């Protein structure tokens, strides 16, 4: 995840913030538009977190259409005093639509719960977090290789001392300085890796529970 990307925290005051106004959604809804030109945007559009935003949009767009279809099941008739009374003309279709509406409402609620949970944790794009995890996981091997190369130089410099390799390395200031830097880099990478792995696991658990 690029360090330059800063996500806004969502701080609800009074009424809950509308789902589409959450930082999580503002970052992802534009990626649902057709005709994305930048390769980075096209790649992000395939992210599972974007799929969650897409599911919410499809469900939210379709629900009013299903509700509107219930009107086709009604028939107007004249009641007392000239009042217009609506009655259900197609009970089977009406009941089926009501069941669909209930299912959609439940799916929207589940999706919104997942979106709000991810927004609260300022979740990143899952694919980018996977890339970061891979990079951090390889940091120790890279640092060890670098230190090994510095050790070779130190042993060449100390070959005239006729001492054991361990003693030469212990006395070589260049090697010791590089060793300190490498150990710091390894420790830092391990700490960040643990944080990234934890974030990935939380995001994946939320997405899986939401059926994405």
C-alpha atoms as a PDB file:
ATOM      1  CA  UNK A   1       0.000   0.000   0.000  1.00  0.00           C
ATOM      2  CA  UNK A   2       1.650   3.302  -1.045  1.00  0.00           C
ATOM      3  CA  UNK A   3       2.512   5.485   1.933  1.00  0.00           C
ATOM      4  CA  UNK A   4       1.274   8.501  -0.015  1.00  0.00           C
ATOM      5  CA  UNK A   5      -2.310   7.226   0.072  1.00  0.00           C
ATOM      6  CA  UNK A   6      -4.129   8.793   2.996  1.00  0.00           C
ATOM      7  CA  UNK A   7      -7.625   7.586   3.775  1.00  0.00           C
ATOM      8  CA  UNK A   8     -10.139   9.802   5.508  1.00  0.00           C
ATOM      9  CA  UNK A   9     -11.651   8.586   8.728  1.00  0.00           C
ATOM     10  CA  UNK A  10     -15.438   8.427   8.800  1.00  0.00           C
ATOM     11  CA  UNK A  11     -16.745  10.046  11.955  1.00  0.00           C
ATOM     12  CA  UNK A  12     -20.518   9.725  12.190  1.00  0.00           C
ATOM     13  CA  UNK A  13     -22.256  12.617  13.958  1.00  0.00           C
ATOM     14  CA  UNK A  14     -25.955  12.315  14.670  1.00  0.00           C
ATOM     15  CA  UNK A  15     -27.484  10.229  11.890  1.00  0.00           C
ATOM     16  CA  UNK A  16     -25.253   7.510  10.390  1.00  0.00           C
ATOM     17  CA  UNK A  17     -23.378   8.594   7.284  1.00  0.00           C
ATOM     18  CA  UNK A  18     -24.990   7.309   4.083  1.00  0.00           C
ATOM     19  CA  UNK A  19     -23.150   4.269   2.781  1.00  0.00           C
ATOM     20  CA  UNK A  20     -22.197   5.946  -0.497  1.00  0.00           C
ATOM     21  CA  UNK A  21     -20.606   8.824   1.444  1.00  0.00           C
ATOM     22  CA  UNK A  22     -18.231   6.610   3.426  1.00  0.00           C
ATOM     23  CA  UNK A  23     -14.541   7.003   2.557  1.00  0.00           C
ATOM     24  CA  UNK A  24     -14.409   3.294   1.673  1.00  0.00           C
ATOM     25  CA  UNK A  25     -17.127   3.769  -0.951  1.00  0.00           C
ATOM     26  CA  UNK A  26     -15.918   7.128  -2.289  1.00  0.00           C
ATOM     27  CA  UNK A  27     -12.634   5.427  -3.086  1.00  0.00           C
ATOM     28  CA  UNK A  28     -14.286   2.484  -4.854  1.00  0.00           C
ATOM     29  CA  UNK A  29     -17.508   3.652  -6.524  1.00  0.00           C
ATOM     30  CA  UNK A  30     -15.598   5.481  -9.327  1.00  0.00           C
ATOM     31  CA  UNK A  31     -13.875   2.169 -10.138  1.00  0.00           C
ATOM     32  CA  UNK A  32     -17.269   0.658 -11.039  1.00  0.00           C
ATOM     33  CA  UNK A  33     -17.620   2.998 -14.016  1.00  0.00           C
ATOM     34  CA  UNK A  34     -16.943   1.548 -17.485  1.00  0.00           C
ATOM     35  CA  UNK A  35     -14.024   2.731 -19.577  1.00  0.00           C
ATOM     36  CA  UNK A  36     -11.308   2.998 -16.928  1.00  0.00           C
ATOM     37  CA  UNK A  37      -8.164   4.159 -18.700  1.00  0.00           C
ATOM     38  CA  UNK A  38      -5.362   3.913 -16.148  1.00  0.00           C
ATOM     39  CA  UNK A  39      -3.898   0.402 -15.697  1.00  0.00           C
ATOM     40  CA  UNK A  40      -3.816   0.915 -11.921  1.00  0.00           C
ATOM     41  CA  UNK A  41      -7.535   1.690 -11.873  1.00  0.00           C
ATOM     42  CA  UNK A  42      -8.353  -1.332 -14.044  1.00  0.00           C
ATOM     43  CA  UNK A  43      -6.413  -3.566 -11.668  1.00  0.00           C
ATOM     44  CA  UNK A  44      -8.077  -2.038  -8.609  1.00  0.00           C
ATOM     45  CA  UNK A  45     -11.489  -2.552 -10.191  1.00  0.00           C
ATOM     46  CA  UNK A  46     -10.944  -6.327  -9.902  1.00  0.00           C
ATOM     47  CA  UNK A  47     -10.247  -6.139  -6.149  1.00  0.00           C
ATOM     48  CA  UNK A  48     -12.593  -8.048  -3.839  1.00  0.00           C
ATOM     49  CA  UNK A  49     -13.304  -4.906  -1.829  1.00  0.00           C
ATOM     50  CA  UNK A  50     -14.500  -3.219  -5.046  1.00  0.00           C
ATOM     51  CA  UNK A  51     -16.682  -6.249  -5.768  1.00  0.00           C
ATOM     52  CA  UNK A  52     -18.346  -5.618  -2.398  1.00  0.00           C
ATOM     53  CA  UNK A  53     -19.063  -2.008  -3.364  1.00  0.00           C
ATOM     54  CA  UNK A  54     -20.387  -3.234  -6.715  1.00  0.00           C
ATOM     55  CA  UNK A  55     -22.730  -5.708  -5.062  1.00  0.00           C
ATOM     56  CA  UNK A  56     -24.154  -2.974  -2.845  1.00  0.00           C
ATOM     57  CA  UNK A  57     -24.762  -0.721  -5.856  1.00  0.00           C
ATOM     58  CA  UNK A  58     -26.471  -3.445  -7.888  1.00  0.00           C
ATOM     59  CA  UNK A  59     -28.711  -4.451  -5.000  1.00  0.00           C
ATOM     60  CA  UNK A  60     -29.561  -0.826  -4.170  1.00  0.00           C
ATOM     61  CA  UNK A  61     -30.332  -0.016  -7.805  1.00  0.00           C
ATOM     62  CA  UNK A  62     -32.496  -3.120  -8.324  1.00  0.00           C
ATOM     63  CA  UNK A  63     -34.595  -2.894  -5.158  1.00  0.00           C
ATOM     64  CA  UNK A  64     -36.672   0.161  -6.261  1.00  0.00           C
ATOM     65  CA  UNK A  65     -37.324  -1.573  -9.600  1.00  0.00           C
ATOM     66  CA  UNK A  66     -38.681  -4.653  -7.843  1.00  0.00           C
ATOM     67  CA  UNK A  67     -40.844  -2.495  -5.596  1.00  0.00           C
ATOM     68  CA  UNK A  68     -42.213  -0.727  -8.667  1.00  0.00           C
ATOM     69  CA  UNK A  69     -43.181  -4.084 -10.168  1.00  0.00           C
ATOM     70  CA  UNK A  70     -45.623  -4.675  -7.318  1.00  0.00           C
ATOM     71  CA  UNK A  71     -47.796  -1.948  -8.841  1.00  0.00           C
ATOM     72  CA  UNK A  72     -48.377  -4.175 -11.859  1.00  0.00           C
ATOM     73  CA  UNK A  73     -50.066  -6.663  -9.539  1.00  0.00           C
ATOM     74  CA  UNK A  74     -52.649  -4.132  -8.343  1.00  0.00           C
ATOM     75  CA  UNK A  75     -56.001  -3.202  -9.818  1.00  0.00           C
ATOM     76  CA  UNK A  76     -57.909  -0.027  -9.063  1.00  0.00           C
ATOM     77  CA  UNK A  77     -61.635  -0.144  -8.316  1.00  0.00           C
ATOM     78  CA  UNK A  78     -64.168   2.368  -7.107  1.00  0.00           C
ATOM     79  CA  UNK A  79     -64.973   2.269  -3.413  1.00  0.00           C
ATOM     80  CA  UNK A  80     -67.463   4.049  -1.206  1.00  0.00           C
ATOM     81  CA  UNK A  81     -67.941   7.731  -1.785  1.00  0.00           C
ATOM     82  CA  UNK A  82     -66.106   7.570  -5.097  1.00  0.00           C
ATOM     83  CA  UNK A  83     -62.817   6.671  -3.438  1.00  0.00           C
ATOM     84  CA  UNK A  84     -60.344   4.610  -5.436  1.00  0.00           C
ATOM     85  CA  UNK A  85     -59.440   1.307  -3.820  1.00  0.00           C
ATOM     86  CA  UNK A  86     -56.444  -0.817  -4.835  1.00  0.00           C
ATOM     87  CA  UNK A  87     -56.740  -4.558  -4.678  1.00  0.00           C
ATOM     88  CA  UNK A  88     -54.249  -7.312  -5.465  1.00  0.00           C
ATOM     89  CA  UNK A  89     -55.116  -8.730  -8.877  1.00  0.00           C
ATOM     90  CA  UNK A  90     -52.214 -11.179  -9.151  1.00  0.00           C
ATOM     91  CA  UNK A  91     -51.619 -12.624  -5.701  1.00  0.00           C
ATOM     92  CA  UNK A  92     -48.976 -15.164  -6.784  1.00  0.00           C
ATOM     93  CA  UNK A  93     -46.778 -12.565  -8.489  1.00  0.00           C
ATOM     94  CA  UNK A  94     -47.331 -10.061  -5.662  1.00  0.00           C
ATOM     95  CA  UNK A  95     -46.231 -12.545  -2.999  1.00  0.00           C
ATOM     96  CA  UNK A  96     -43.205 -13.537  -5.074  1.00  0.00           C
ATOM     97  CA  UNK A  97     -42.160  -9.899  -5.398  1.00  0.00           C
ATOM     98  CA  UNK A  98     -42.623  -9.342  -1.668  1.00  0.00           C
ATOM     99  CA  UNK A  99     -40.324 -12.295  -0.981  1.00  0.00           C
ATOM    100  CA  UNK A 100     -37.753 -10.880  -3.415  1.00  0.00           C
ATOM    101  CA  UNK A 101     -37.932  -7.499  -1.698  1.00  0.00           C
ATOM    102  CA  UNK A 102     -37.308  -9.127   1.671  1.00  0.00           C
ATOM    103  CA  UNK A 103     -34.319 -11.053   0.289  1.00  0.00           C
ATOM    104  CA  UNK A 104     -32.857  -7.921  -1.281  1.00  0.00           C
ATOM    105  CA  UNK A 105     -33.291  -5.949   1.939  1.00  0.00           C
ATOM    106  CA  UNK A 106     -31.481  -8.666   3.897  1.00  0.00           C
ATOM    107  CA  UNK A 107     -28.637  -8.790   1.366  1.00  0.00           C
ATOM    108  CA  UNK A 108     -28.308  -5.006   1.369  1.00  0.00           C
ATOM    109  CA  UNK A 109     -28.167  -4.971   5.178  1.00  0.00           C
ATOM    110  CA  UNK A 110     -25.449  -7.650   5.198  1.00  0.00           C
ATOM    111  CA  UNK A 111     -23.469  -5.795   2.541  1.00  0.00           C
ATOM    112  CA  UNK A 112     -23.793  -2.455   4.332  1.00  0.00           C
ATOM    113  CA  UNK A 113     -22.630  -3.994   7.623  1.00  0.00           C
ATOM    114  CA  UNK A 114     -19.517  -5.292   5.848  1.00  0.00           C
ATOM    115  CA  UNK A 115     -18.874  -1.930   4.174  1.00  0.00           C
ATOM    116  CA  UNK A 116     -19.174  -0.032   7.444  1.00  0.00           C
ATOM    117  CA  UNK A 117     -16.859  -2.504   9.194  1.00  0.00           C
ATOM    118  CA  UNK A 118     -14.228  -2.100   6.454  1.00  0.00           C
ATOM    119  CA  UNK A 119     -14.632   1.668   6.439  1.00  0.00           C
ATOM    120  CA  UNK A 120     -14.136   1.793  10.203  1.00  0.00           C
ATOM    121  CA  UNK A 121     -10.815  -0.057   9.890  1.00  0.00           C
ATOM    122  CA  UNK A 122      -9.771   2.085   6.887  1.00  0.00           C
ATOM    123  CA  UNK A 123      -9.323  -1.077   4.845  1.00  0.00           C
ATOM    124  CA  UNK A 124      -6.966  -0.947   1.902  1.00  0.00           C
ATOM    125  CA  UNK A 125      -7.282  -2.733  -1.427  1.00  0.00           C
ATOM    126  CA  UNK A 126      -6.787  -6.430  -0.796  1.00  0.00           C
ATOM    127  CA  UNK A 127      -4.604  -7.113  -3.846  1.00  0.00           C
ATOM    128  CA  UNK A 128      -2.262  -4.268  -2.901  1.00  0.00           C
ATOM    129  CA  UNK A 129      -2.008  -5.585   0.640  1.00  0.00           C
ATOM    130  CA  UNK A 130      -1.088  -8.997  -0.765  1.00  0.00           C
ATOM    131  CA  UNK A 131       1.697  -7.346  -2.800  1.00  0.00           C
ATOM    132  CA  UNK A 132       2.919  -5.545   0.315  1.00  0.00           C
ATOM    133  CA  UNK A 133       2.894  -8.808   2.259  1.00  0.00           C
ATOM    134  CA  UNK A 134       5.014 -10.514  -0.409  1.00  0.00           C
ATOM    135  CA  UNK A 135       7.491  -7.646  -0.425  1.00  0.00           C
ATOM    136  CA  UNK A 136       7.839  -7.602   3.358  1.00  0.00           C
ATOM    137  CA  UNK A 137       8.120 -11.394   3.511  1.00  0.00           C
ATOM    138  CA  UNK A 138      11.164 -11.235   1.239  1.00  0.00           C
ATOM    139  CA  UNK A 139      12.864  -8.409   3.133  1.00  0.00           C
ATOM    140  CA  UNK A 140      14.807 -10.668   5.515  1.00  0.00           C
ATOM    141  CA  UNK A 141      16.358 -12.717   2.702  1.00  0.00           C
ATOM    142  CA  UNK A 142      17.386  -9.525   0.894  1.00  0.00           C
ATOM    143  CA  UNK A 143      18.997  -8.082   4.005  1.00  0.00           C
ATOM    144  CA  UNK A 144      20.807 -11.347   4.765  1.00  0.00           C
ATOM    145  CA  UNK A 145      22.163 -11.428   1.226  1.00  0.00           C
ATOM    146  CA  UNK A 146      23.371  -7.836   1.533  1.00  0.00           C
ATOM    147  CA  UNK A 147      25.046  -8.590   4.868  1.00  0.00           C
ATOM    148  CA  UNK A 148      26.706 -11.668   3.384  1.00  0.00           C
ATOM    149  CA  UNK A 149      28.221  -9.549   0.632  1.00  0.00           C
ATOM    150  CA  UNK A 150      29.523  -7.023   3.202  1.00  0.00           C
ATOM    151  CA  UNK A 151      30.926  -9.919   5.270  1.00  0.00           C
ATOM    152  CA  UNK A 152      32.881 -11.155   2.238  1.00  0.00           C
ATOM    153  CA  UNK A 153      34.515  -7.762   1.924  1.00  0.00           C
ATOM    154  CA  UNK A 154      35.305  -7.687   5.637  1.00  0.00           C
ATOM    155  CA  UNK A 155      36.938 -11.112   5.504  1.00  0.00           C
ATOM    156  CA  UNK A 156      39.073 -10.039   2.560  1.00  0.00           C
ATOM    157  CA  UNK A 157      40.205  -6.959   4.456  1.00  0.00           C
ATOM    158  CA  UNK A 158      40.977  -9.008   7.562  1.00  0.00           C
ATOM    159  CA  UNK A 159      42.704 -11.934   5.851  1.00  0.00           C
ATOM    160  CA  UNK A 160      46.132 -10.509   6.807  1.00  0.00           C
ATOM    161  CA  UNK A 161      45.216 -10.684  10.531  1.00  0.00           C
ATOM    162  CA  UNK A 162      45.246 -14.483  10.511  1.00  0.00           C
ATOM    163  CA  UNK A 163      42.228 -14.586  12.815  1.00  0.00           C
ATOM    164  CA  UNK A 164      39.121 -16.740  12.822  1.00  0.00           C
ATOM    165  CA  UNK A 165      36.323 -15.357  10.554  1.00  0.00           C
ATOM    166  CA  UNK A 166      34.151 -14.637  13.579  1.00  0.00           C
ATOM    167  CA  UNK A 167      36.897 -12.524  15.159  1.00  0.00           C
ATOM    168  CA  UNK A 168      37.500 -10.630  11.918  1.00  0.00           C
ATOM    169  CA  UNK A 169      33.827  -9.787  11.549  1.00  0.00           C
ATOM    170  CA  UNK A 170      33.607  -8.772  15.193  1.00  0.00           C
ATOM    171  CA  UNK A 171      36.351  -6.189  14.670  1.00  0.00           C
ATOM    172  CA  UNK A 172      35.311  -4.895  11.242  1.00  0.00           C
ATOM    173  CA  UNK A 173      33.484  -1.568  11.750  1.00  0.00           C
ATOM    174  CA  UNK A 174      31.943  -1.522   8.272  1.00  0.00           C
ATOM    175  CA  UNK A 175      30.483  -4.982   8.753  1.00  0.00           C
ATOM    176  CA  UNK A 176      29.212  -4.220  12.254  1.00  0.00           C
ATOM    177  CA  UNK A 177      27.532  -1.001  11.062  1.00  0.00           C
ATOM    178  CA  UNK A 178      25.858  -2.847   8.194  1.00  0.00           C
ATOM    179  CA  UNK A 179      24.835  -5.663  10.527  1.00  0.00           C
ATOM    180  CA  UNK A 180      23.079  -3.163  12.785  1.00  0.00           C
ATOM    181  CA  UNK A 181      21.259  -1.616   9.834  1.00  0.00           C
ATOM    182  CA  UNK A 182      20.222  -5.011   8.483  1.00  0.00           C
ATOM    183  CA  UNK A 183      18.927  -6.203  11.829  1.00  0.00           C
ATOM    184  CA  UNK A 184      16.906  -3.009  12.203  1.00  0.00           C
ATOM    185  CA  UNK A 185      15.452  -3.391   8.699  1.00  0.00           C
ATOM    186  CA  UNK A 186      14.565  -7.035   9.343  1.00  0.00           C
ATOM    187  CA  UNK A 187      12.882  -6.253  12.662  1.00  0.00           C
ATOM    188  CA  UNK A 188      10.935  -3.366  11.085  1.00  0.00           C
ATOM    189  CA  UNK A 189       9.833  -5.526   8.150  1.00  0.00           C
ATOM    190  CA  UNK A 190       8.685  -8.313  10.473  1.00  0.00           C
ATOM    191  CA  UNK A 191       6.624  -5.886  12.531  1.00  0.00           C
ATOM    192  CA  UNK A 192       4.990  -4.377   9.449  1.00  0.00           C
ATOM    193  CA  UNK A 193       4.425  -7.849   8.002  1.00  0.00           C
ATOM    194  CA  UNK A 194       2.532  -8.927  11.110  1.00  0.00           C
ATOM    195  CA  UNK A 195       0.345  -5.817  10.837  1.00  0.00           C
ATOM    196  CA  UNK A 196      -0.370  -6.372   7.142  1.00  0.00           C
ATOM    197  CA  UNK A 197      -1.146 -10.074   7.635  1.00  0.00           C
ATOM    198  CA  UNK A 198      -3.567  -9.171  10.436  1.00  0.00           C
ATOM    199  CA  UNK A 199      -5.305  -6.567   8.234  1.00  0.00           C
ATOM    200  CA  UNK A 200      -5.591  -9.016   5.329  1.00  0.00           C
ATOM    201  CA  UNK A 201      -7.106 -11.677   7.571  1.00  0.00           C
ATOM    202  CA  UNK A 202      -9.692  -9.233   8.974  1.00  0.00           C
ATOM    203  CA  UNK A 203     -10.653  -7.950   5.515  1.00  0.00           C
ATOM    204  CA  UNK A 204     -10.938 -11.443   4.062  1.00  0.00           C
ATOM    205  CA  UNK A 205     -13.079 -12.605   6.998  1.00  0.00           C
ATOM    206  CA  UNK A 206     -15.486  -9.680   6.527  1.00  0.00           C
ATOM    207  CA  UNK A 207     -15.707 -10.207   2.765  1.00  0.00           C
ATOM    208  CA  UNK A 208     -16.246 -13.950   3.112  1.00  0.00           C
ATOM    209  CA  UNK A 209     -19.001 -13.417   5.688  1.00  0.00           C
ATOM    210  CA  UNK A 210     -20.665 -11.016   3.234  1.00  0.00           C
ATOM    211  CA  UNK A 211     -20.453 -13.618   0.480  1.00  0.00           C
ATOM    212  CA  UNK A 212     -17.842 -11.836  -1.639  1.00  0.00           C
END
